[in-house]
PDB file of N, CA and C in Angstrom:
ATOM      1  N   MET A   1     -70.779 140.054  25.560  1.00  0.00           N
ATOM      2  CA  MET A   1     -71.510 140.491  24.405  1.00  0.00           C
ATOM      3  C   MET A   1     -72.482 139.423  23.922  1.00  0.00           C
ATOM      4  N   LYS A   2     -72.157 138.160  24.091  1.00  0.00           N
ATOM      5  CA  LYS A   2     -73.067 137.085  23.703  1.00  0.00           C
ATOM      6  C   LYS A   2     -74.334 137.139  24.543  1.00  0.00           C
ATOM      7  N   PHE A   3     -74.175 137.520  25.811  1.00  0.00           N
ATOM      8  CA  PHE A   3     -75.329 137.647  26.713  1.00  0.00           C
ATOM      9  C   PHE A   3     -76.299 138.701  26.164  1.00  0.00           C
ATOM     10  N   ASN A   4     -75.773 139.864  25.788  1.00  0.00           N
ATOM     11  CA  ASN A   4     -76.621 140.932  25.265  1.00  0.00           C
ATOM     12  C   ASN A   4     -77.274 140.528  23.947  1.00  0.00           C
ATOM     13  N   LYS A   5     -76.543 139.834  23.105  1.00  0.00           N
ATOM     14  CA  LYS A   5     -77.100 139.392  21.835  1.00  0.00           C
ATOM     15  C   LYS A   5     -78.233 138.395  22.068  1.00  0.00           C
ATOM     16  N   ALA A   6     -78.046 137.518  23.036  1.00  0.00           N
ATOM     17  CA  ALA A   6     -79.098 136.543  23.356  1.00  0.00           C
ATOM     18  C   ALA A   6     -80.353 137.244  23.864  1.00  0.00           C
ATOM     19  N   ILE A   7     -80.180 138.266  24.709  1.00  0.00           N
ATOM     20  CA  ILE A   7     -81.326 139.023  25.211  1.00  0.00           C
ATOM     21  C   ILE A   7     -81.996 139.788  24.074  1.00  0.00           C
ATOM     22  N   ASP A   8     -81.213 140.393  23.203  1.00  0.00           N
ATOM     23  CA  ASP A   8     -81.765 141.142  22.075  1.00  0.00           C
ATOM     24  C   ASP A   8     -82.587 140.254  21.143  1.00  0.00           C
ATOM     25  N   GLU A   9     -82.189 138.996  21.003  1.00  0.00           N
ATOM     26  CA  GLU A   9     -82.867 138.088  20.088  1.00  0.00           C
ATOM     27  C   GLU A   9     -84.136 137.470  20.671  1.00  0.00           C
ATOM     28  N   LEU A  10     -84.398 137.676  21.953  1.00  0.00           N
ATOM     29  CA  LEU A  10     -85.621 137.143  22.549  1.00  0.00           C
ATOM     30  C   LEU A  10     -86.836 137.856  21.964  1.00  0.00           C
ATOM     31  N   PRO A  11     -87.943 137.137  21.833  1.00  0.00           N
ATOM     32  CA  PRO A  11     -89.169 137.802  21.382  1.00  0.00           C
ATOM     33  C   PRO A  11     -89.617 138.853  22.408  1.00  0.00           C
ATOM     34  N   LEU A  12     -90.311 139.873  21.923  1.00  0.00           N
ATOM     35  CA  LEU A  12     -90.752 140.966  22.786  1.00  0.00           C
ATOM     36  C   LEU A  12     -91.603 140.455  23.950  1.00  0.00           C
ATOM     37  N   LEU A  13     -92.467 139.489  23.705  1.00  0.00           N
ATOM     38  CA  LEU A  13     -93.322 138.949  24.770  1.00  0.00           C
ATOM     39  C   LEU A  13     -92.493 138.332  25.890  1.00  0.00           C
ATOM     40  N   VAL A  14     -91.439 137.624  25.546  1.00  0.00           N
ATOM     41  CA  VAL A  14     -90.565 137.012  26.566  1.00  0.00           C
ATOM     42  C   VAL A  14     -89.850 138.102  27.356  1.00  0.00           C
ATOM     43  N   LYS A  15     -89.394 139.163  26.679  1.00  0.00           N
ATOM     44  CA  LYS A  15     -88.738 140.270  27.377  1.00  0.00           C
ATOM     45  C   LYS A  15     -89.697 140.931  28.362  1.00  0.00           C
ATOM     46  N   ILE A  16     -90.946 141.124  27.950  1.00  0.00           N
ATOM     47  CA  ILE A  16     -91.935 141.735  28.836  1.00  0.00           C
ATOM     48  C   ILE A  16     -92.211 140.840  30.034  1.00  0.00           C
ATOM     49  N   ILE A  17     -92.319 139.541  29.811  1.00  0.00           N
ATOM     50  CA  ILE A  17     -92.534 138.604  30.926  1.00  0.00           C
ATOM     51  C   ILE A  17     -91.353 138.648  31.885  1.00  0.00           C
ATOM     52  N   LEU A  18     -90.136 138.683  31.361  1.00  0.00           N
ATOM     53  CA  LEU A  18     -88.952 138.793  32.221  1.00  0.00           C
ATOM     54  C   LEU A  18     -88.947 140.109  32.993  1.00  0.00           C
ATOM     55  N   ALA A  19     -89.415 141.171  32.362  1.00  0.00           N
ATOM     56  CA  ALA A  19     -89.421 142.480  33.010  1.00  0.00           C
ATOM     57  C   ALA A  19     -90.506 142.587  34.077  1.00  0.00           C
ATOM     58  N   ILE A  20     -91.575 141.820  33.944  1.00  0.00           N
ATOM     59  CA  ILE A  20     -92.676 141.888  34.912  1.00  0.00           C
ATOM     60  C   ILE A  20     -92.259 141.310  36.260  1.00  0.00           C
ATOM     61  N   ILE A  21     -91.459 140.263  36.235  1.00  0.00           N
ATOM     62  CA  ILE A  21     -91.050 139.597  37.477  1.00  0.00           C
ATOM     63  C   ILE A  21     -89.880 140.376  38.077  1.00  0.00           C
ATOM     64  N   PRO A  22     -90.098 141.049  39.230  1.00  0.00           N
ATOM     65  CA  PRO A  22     -89.051 141.937  39.779  1.00  0.00           C
ATOM     66  C   PRO A  22     -87.715 141.252  40.046  1.00  0.00           C
ATOM     67  N   ILE A  23     -87.715 140.040  40.549  1.00  0.00           N
ATOM     68  CA  ILE A  23     -86.450 139.380  40.877  1.00  0.00           C
ATOM     69  C   ILE A  23     -85.682 139.014  39.605  1.00  0.00           C
ATOM     70  N   VAL A  24     -86.371 138.611  38.576  1.00  0.00           N
ATOM     71  CA  VAL A  24     -85.727 138.218  37.326  1.00  0.00           C
ATOM     72  C   VAL A  24     -85.275 139.443  36.531  1.00  0.00           C
ATOM     73  N   SER A  25     -85.858 140.605  36.805  1.00  0.00           N
ATOM     74  CA  SER A  25     -85.502 141.796  36.029  1.00  0.00           C
ATOM     75  C   SER A  25     -84.060 142.248  36.269  1.00  0.00           C
ATOM     76  N   ILE A  26     -83.349 141.616  37.190  1.00  0.00           N
ATOM     77  CA  ILE A  26     -81.918 141.894  37.380  1.00  0.00           C
ATOM     78  C   ILE A  26     -81.162 141.567  36.088  1.00  0.00           C
ATOM     79  N   VAL A  27     -81.754 140.711  35.246  1.00  0.00           N
ATOM     80  CA  VAL A  27     -81.154 140.367  33.958  1.00  0.00           C
ATOM     81  C   VAL A  27     -80.927 141.637  33.138  1.00  0.00           C
ATOM     82  N   PHE A  28     -81.868 142.578  33.211  1.00  0.00           N
ATOM     83  CA  PHE A  28     -81.750 143.800  32.423  1.00  0.00           C
ATOM     84  C   PHE A  28     -80.726 144.760  33.013  1.00  0.00           C
ATOM     85  N   VAL A  29     -80.526 144.719  34.315  1.00  0.00           N
ATOM     86  CA  VAL A  29     -79.456 145.516  34.931  1.00  0.00           C
ATOM     87  C   VAL A  29     -78.103 144.987  34.452  1.00  0.00           C
ATOM     88  N   ILE A  30     -77.960 143.678  34.436  1.00  0.00           N
ATOM     89  CA  ILE A  30     -76.727 143.060  33.936  1.00  0.00           C
ATOM     90  C   ILE A  30     -76.540 143.400  32.456  1.00  0.00           C
ATOM     91  N   TYR A  31     -77.621 143.358  31.700  1.00  0.00           N
ATOM     92  CA  TYR A  31     -77.572 143.707  30.273  1.00  0.00           C
ATOM     93  C   TYR A  31     -77.009 145.113  30.087  1.00  0.00           C
ATOM     94  N   ARG A  32     -77.525 146.076  30.856  1.00  0.00           N
ATOM     95  CA  ARG A  32     -77.064 147.462  30.727  1.00  0.00           C
ATOM     96  C   ARG A  32     -75.611 147.612  31.155  1.00  0.00           C
ATOM     97  N   ILE A  33     -75.213 146.930  32.220  1.00  0.00           N
ATOM     98  CA  ILE A  33     -73.830 147.006  32.686  1.00  0.00           C
ATOM     99  C   ILE A  33     -72.879 146.470  31.620  1.00  0.00           C
ATOM    100  N   VAL A  34     -73.218 145.334  31.026  1.00  0.00           N
ATOM    101  CA  VAL A  34     -72.373 144.757  29.972  1.00  0.00           C
ATOM    102  C   VAL A  34     -72.329 145.676  28.753  1.00  0.00           C
ATOM    103  N   ALA A  35     -73.479 146.213  28.340  1.00  0.00           N
ATOM    104  CA  ALA A  35     -73.517 147.084  27.164  1.00  0.00           C
ATOM    105  C   ALA A  35     -72.697 148.353  27.383  1.00  0.00           C
ATOM    106  N   ASP A  36     -72.814 148.944  28.562  1.00  0.00           N
ATOM    107  CA  ASP A  36     -72.071 150.175  28.837  1.00  0.00           C
ATOM    108  C   ASP A  36     -70.579 149.920  29.012  1.00  0.00           C
ATOM    109  N   ALA A  37     -70.229 148.774  29.560  1.00  0.00           N
ATOM    110  CA  ALA A  37     -68.813 148.427  29.689  1.00  0.00           C
ATOM    111  C   ALA A  37     -68.202 148.203  28.306  1.00  0.00           C
ATOM    112  N   ASN A  38     -68.932 147.527  27.413  1.00  0.00           N
ATOM    113  CA  ASN A  38     -68.437 147.295  26.052  1.00  0.00           C
ATOM    114  C   ASN A  38     -68.348 148.588  25.249  1.00  0.00           C
ATOM    115  N   ALA A  39     -69.234 149.540  25.537  1.00  0.00           N
ATOM    116  CA  ALA A  39     -69.221 150.823  24.826  1.00  0.00           C
ATOM    117  C   ALA A  39     -68.227 151.803  25.448  1.00  0.00           C
ATOM    118  N   ASN A  40     -67.592 151.400  26.528  1.00  0.00           N
ATOM    119  CA  ASN A  40     -66.612 152.250  27.214  1.00  0.00           C
ATOM    120  C   ASN A  40     -67.252 153.543  27.728  1.00  0.00           C
ATOM    121  N   ARG A  41     -68.460 153.451  28.252  1.00  0.00           N
ATOM    122  CA  ARG A  41     -69.211 154.599  28.760  1.00  0.00           C
ATOM    123  C   ARG A  41     -69.209 154.547  30.290  1.00  0.00           C
ATOM    124  N   THR A  42     -68.202 155.115  30.897  1.00  0.00           N
ATOM    125  CA  THR A  42     -68.015 155.058  32.345  1.00  0.00           C
ATOM    126  C   THR A  42     -69.157 155.717  33.097  1.00  0.00           C
ATOM    127  N   GLU A  43     -69.614 156.874  32.605  1.00  0.00           N
ATOM    128  CA  GLU A  43     -70.677 157.584  33.314  1.00  0.00           C
ATOM    129  C   GLU A  43     -71.969 156.764  33.346  1.00  0.00           C
ATOM    130  N   LEU A  44     -72.272 156.041  32.259  1.00  0.00           N
ATOM    131  CA  LEU A  44     -73.462 155.196  32.236  1.00  0.00           C
ATOM    132  C   LEU A  44     -73.278 153.966  33.112  1.00  0.00           C
ATOM    133  N   LEU A  45     -72.073 153.448  33.133  1.00  0.00           N
ATOM    134  CA  LEU A  45     -71.776 152.302  33.981  1.00  0.00           C
ATOM    135  C   LEU A  45     -71.986 152.652  35.455  1.00  0.00           C
ATOM    136  N   ILE A  46     -71.541 153.832  35.850  1.00  0.00           N
ATOM    137  CA  ILE A  46     -71.731 154.295  37.234  1.00  0.00           C
ATOM    138  C   ILE A  46     -73.222 154.444  37.538  1.00  0.00           C
ATOM    139  N   LEU A  47     -73.982 155.045  36.617  1.00  0.00           N
ATOM    140  CA  LEU A  47     -75.424 155.185  36.811  1.00  0.00           C
ATOM    141  C   LEU A  47     -76.110 153.827  36.938  1.00  0.00           C
ATOM    142  N   ASP A  48     -75.717 152.881  36.096  1.00  0.00           N
ATOM    143  CA  ASP A  48     -76.310 151.547  36.156  1.00  0.00           C
ATOM    144  C   ASP A  48     -76.060 150.877  37.500  1.00  0.00           C
ATOM    145  N   VAL A  49     -74.831 150.965  37.980  1.00  0.00           N
ATOM    146  CA  VAL A  49     -74.493 150.318  39.249  1.00  0.00           C
ATOM    147  C   VAL A  49     -75.177 151.022  40.422  1.00  0.00           C
ATOM    148  N   LEU A  50     -75.106 152.347  40.434  1.00  0.00           N
ATOM    149  CA  LEU A  50     -75.671 153.087  41.566  1.00  0.00           C
ATOM    150  C   LEU A  50     -77.191 153.021  41.616  1.00  0.00           C
ATOM    151  N   LEU A  51     -77.849 153.157  40.480  1.00  0.00           N
ATOM    152  CA  LEU A  51     -79.306 153.199  40.478  1.00  0.00           C
ATOM    153  C   LEU A  51     -79.956 151.843  40.214  1.00  0.00           C
ATOM    154  N   GLY A  52     -79.262 150.978  39.525  1.00  0.00           N
ATOM    155  CA  GLY A  52     -79.850 149.689  39.181  1.00  0.00           C
ATOM    156  C   GLY A  52     -79.702 148.635  40.249  1.00  0.00           C
ATOM    157  N   ILE A  53     -78.671 148.739  41.037  1.00  0.00           N
ATOM    158  CA  ILE A  53     -78.418 147.698  42.033  1.00  0.00           C
ATOM    159  C   ILE A  53     -78.659 148.201  43.443  1.00  0.00           C
ATOM    160  N   CYS A  54     -78.098 149.345  43.758  1.00  0.00           N
ATOM    161  CA  CYS A  54     -78.141 149.810  45.150  1.00  0.00           C
ATOM    162  C   CYS A  54     -79.512 150.297  45.602  1.00  0.00           C
ATOM    163  N   PRO A  55     -79.850 151.568  45.391  1.00  0.00           N
ATOM    164  CA  PRO A  55     -81.051 152.056  46.052  1.00  0.00           C
ATOM    165  C   PRO A  55     -82.345 151.947  45.263  1.00  0.00           C
ATOM    166  N   LEU A  56     -82.302 151.997  43.937  1.00  0.00           N
ATOM    167  CA  LEU A  56     -83.531 152.182  43.181  1.00  0.00           C
ATOM    168  C   LEU A  56     -83.807 151.129  42.101  1.00  0.00           C
ATOM    169  N   PRO A  57     -83.713 149.857  42.390  1.00  0.00           N
ATOM    170  CA  PRO A  57     -84.022 148.893  41.334  1.00  0.00           C
ATOM    171  C   PRO A  57     -85.488 148.952  40.916  1.00  0.00           C
ATOM    172  N   PHE A  58     -86.358 149.465  41.804  1.00  0.00           N
ATOM    173  CA  PHE A  58     -87.775 149.601  41.473  1.00  0.00           C
ATOM    174  C   PHE A  58     -87.975 150.560  40.301  1.00  0.00           C
ATOM    175  N   VAL A  59     -87.183 151.642  40.259  1.00  0.00           N
ATOM    176  CA  VAL A  59     -87.283 152.616  39.174  1.00  0.00           C
ATOM    177  C   VAL A  59     -86.898 151.959  37.850  1.00  0.00           C
ATOM    178  N   TYR A  60     -85.820 151.195  37.845  1.00  0.00           N
ATOM    179  CA  TYR A  60     -85.416 150.480  36.635  1.00  0.00           C
ATOM    180  C   TYR A  60     -86.487 149.484  36.204  1.00  0.00           C
ATOM    181  N   TRP A  61     -87.086 148.848  37.168  1.00  0.00           N
ATOM    182  CA  TRP A  61     -88.123 147.860  36.883  1.00  0.00           C
ATOM    183  C   TRP A  61     -89.270 148.520  36.112  1.00  0.00           C
ATOM    184  N   ILE A  62     -89.739 149.672  36.587  1.00  0.00           N
ATOM    185  CA  ILE A  62     -90.827 150.394  35.935  1.00  0.00           C
ATOM    186  C   ILE A  62     -90.382 150.916  34.559  1.00  0.00           C
ATOM    187  N   LEU A  63     -89.186 151.502  34.489  1.00  0.00           N
ATOM    188  CA  LEU A  63     -88.699 152.036  33.213  1.00  0.00           C
ATOM    189  C   LEU A  63     -88.558 150.934  32.159  1.00  0.00           C
ATOM    190  N   ASN A  64     -88.081 149.754  32.563  1.00  0.00           N
ATOM    191  CA  ASN A  64     -87.965 148.646  31.620  1.00  0.00           C
ATOM    192  C   ASN A  64     -89.327 148.233  31.095  1.00  0.00           C
ATOM    193  N   LEU A  65     -90.299 148.131  31.978  1.00  0.00           N
ATOM    194  CA  LEU A  65     -91.640 147.757  31.536  1.00  0.00           C
ATOM    195  C   LEU A  65     -92.192 148.774  30.540  1.00  0.00           C
ATOM    196  N   VAL A  66     -92.070 150.049  30.860  1.00  0.00           N
ATOM    197  CA  VAL A  66     -92.590 151.100  29.987  1.00  0.00           C
ATOM    198  C   VAL A  66     -91.874 151.079  28.640  1.00  0.00           C
ATOM    199  N   TYR A  67     -90.552 151.010  28.661  1.00  0.00           N
ATOM    200  CA  TYR A  67     -89.784 151.014  27.413  1.00  0.00           C
ATOM    201  C   TYR A  67     -90.079 149.775  26.568  1.00  0.00           C
ATOM    202  N   LEU A  68     -90.188 148.616  27.204  1.00  0.00           N
ATOM    203  CA  LEU A  68     -90.462 147.401  26.437  1.00  0.00           C
ATOM    204  C   LEU A  68     -91.850 147.445  25.815  1.00  0.00           C
ATOM    205  N   ILE A  69     -92.832 147.926  26.554  1.00  0.00           N
ATOM    206  CA  ILE A  69     -94.199 147.952  26.035  1.00  0.00           C
ATOM    207  C   ILE A  69     -94.358 149.026  24.962  1.00  0.00           C
ATOM    208  N   ILE A  70     -93.817 150.218  25.199  1.00  0.00           N
ATOM    209  CA  ILE A  70     -94.023 151.324  24.270  1.00  0.00           C
ATOM    210  C   ILE A  70     -93.035 151.303  23.106  1.00  0.00           C
ATOM    211  N   LYS A  71     -91.732 151.145  23.413  1.00  0.00           N
ATOM    212  CA  LYS A  71     -90.707 151.239  22.369  1.00  0.00           C
ATOM    213  C   LYS A  71     -90.218 149.889  21.860  1.00  0.00           C
ATOM    214  N   GLY A  72     -90.389 148.837  22.658  1.00  0.00           N
ATOM    215  CA  GLY A  72     -89.899 147.522  22.251  1.00  0.00           C
ATOM    216  C   GLY A  72     -88.413 147.336  22.497  1.00  0.00           C
ATOM    217  N   THR A  73     -87.787 148.255  23.266  1.00  0.00           N
ATOM    218  CA  THR A  73     -86.364 148.157  23.573  1.00  0.00           C
ATOM    219  C   THR A  73     -86.148 148.196  25.082  1.00  0.00           C
ATOM    220  N   ILE A  74     -84.974 147.799  25.497  1.00  0.00           N
ATOM    221  CA  ILE A  74     -84.608 147.822  26.910  1.00  0.00           C
ATOM    222  C   ILE A  74     -84.147 149.224  27.274  1.00  0.00           C
ATOM    223  N   PHE A  75     -84.567 149.710  28.429  1.00  0.00           N
ATOM    224  CA  PHE A  75     -84.204 151.046  28.875  1.00  0.00           C
ATOM    225  C   PHE A  75     -82.705 151.178  29.069  1.00  0.00           C
ATOM    226  N   SER A  76     -82.177 152.329  28.655  1.00  0.00           N
ATOM    227  CA  SER A  76     -80.773 152.646  28.871  1.00  0.00           C
ATOM    228  C   SER A  76     -80.628 154.142  29.077  1.00  0.00           C
ATOM    229  N   PHE A  77     -79.750 154.522  29.993  1.00  0.00           N
ATOM    230  CA  PHE A  77     -79.466 155.941  30.182  1.00  0.00           C
ATOM    231  C   PHE A  77     -78.756 156.529  28.974  1.00  0.00           C
ATOM    232  N   GLY A  78     -78.275 155.689  28.079  1.00  0.00           N
ATOM    233  CA  GLY A  78     -77.571 156.152  26.895  1.00  0.00           C
ATOM    234  C   GLY A  78     -78.399 157.083  26.024  1.00  0.00           C
ATOM    235  N   GLU A  79     -79.726 156.970  26.094  1.00  0.00           N
ATOM    236  CA  GLU A  79     -80.585 157.873  25.340  1.00  0.00           C
ATOM    237  C   GLU A  79     -80.619 159.265  25.955  1.00  0.00           C
ATOM    238  N   TRP A  80     -80.375 159.358  27.242  1.00  0.00           N
ATOM    239  CA  TRP A  80     -80.476 160.629  27.966  1.00  0.00           C
ATOM    240  C   TRP A  80     -79.128 161.289  28.195  1.00  0.00           C
ATOM    241  N   VAL A  81     -78.080 160.484  28.386  1.00  0.00           N
ATOM    242  CA  VAL A  81     -76.744 161.023  28.694  1.00  0.00           C
ATOM    243  C   VAL A  81     -75.909 160.939  27.426  1.00  0.00           C
ATOM    244  N   LYS A  82     -75.525 162.084  26.921  1.00  0.00           N
ATOM    245  CA  LYS A  82     -74.724 162.132  25.708  1.00  0.00           C
ATOM    246  C   LYS A  82     -73.250 161.862  26.047  1.00  0.00           C
ATOM    247  N   PRO A  83     -72.499 161.268  25.105  1.00  0.00           N
ATOM    248  CA  PRO A  83     -71.083 161.007  25.366  1.00  0.00           C
ATOM    249  C   PRO A  83     -70.317 162.309  25.635  1.00  0.00           C
ATOM    250  N   SER A  84     -69.368 162.228  26.539  1.00  0.00           N
ATOM    251  CA  SER A  84     -68.554 163.410  26.844  1.00  0.00           C
ATOM    252  C   SER A  84     -67.598 163.670  25.685  1.00  0.00           C
ATOM    253  N   ALA A  85     -67.026 164.861  25.654  1.00  0.00           N
ATOM    254  CA  ALA A  85     -66.132 165.247  24.556  1.00  0.00           C
ATOM    255  C   ALA A  85     -64.879 164.388  24.497  1.00  0.00           C
ATOM    256  N   ALA A  86     -64.463 163.827  25.630  1.00  0.00           N
ATOM    257  CA  ALA A  86     -63.259 163.004  25.683  1.00  0.00           C
ATOM    258  C   ALA A  86     -63.443 161.674  24.973  1.00  0.00           C
ATOM    259  N   GLN A  87     -64.683 161.240  24.770  1.00  0.00           N
ATOM    260  CA  GLN A  87     -64.908 159.942  24.157  1.00  0.00           C
ATOM    261  C   GLN A  87     -65.057 160.058  22.701  1.00  0.00           C
TER     262      GLN A  87
END
């Protein structure tokens, strides 16, 4: 959680610079994995691992850039996937 808080406290310009560099943007994949694990959101954790690390890190890279520039926040599937009734 300290990792996520440190990332959240970075200025927007620094976040955008980190998001521009593809190799360094793994920081945001780790950010999402930690946030979803702390929120106990298994379905989001699976999406983060499958799409963020394995086949499609390029998609996350683009989504992070767009979200940071337009919304000022880090992309998360949490906006699109609603919690299941069991949670």
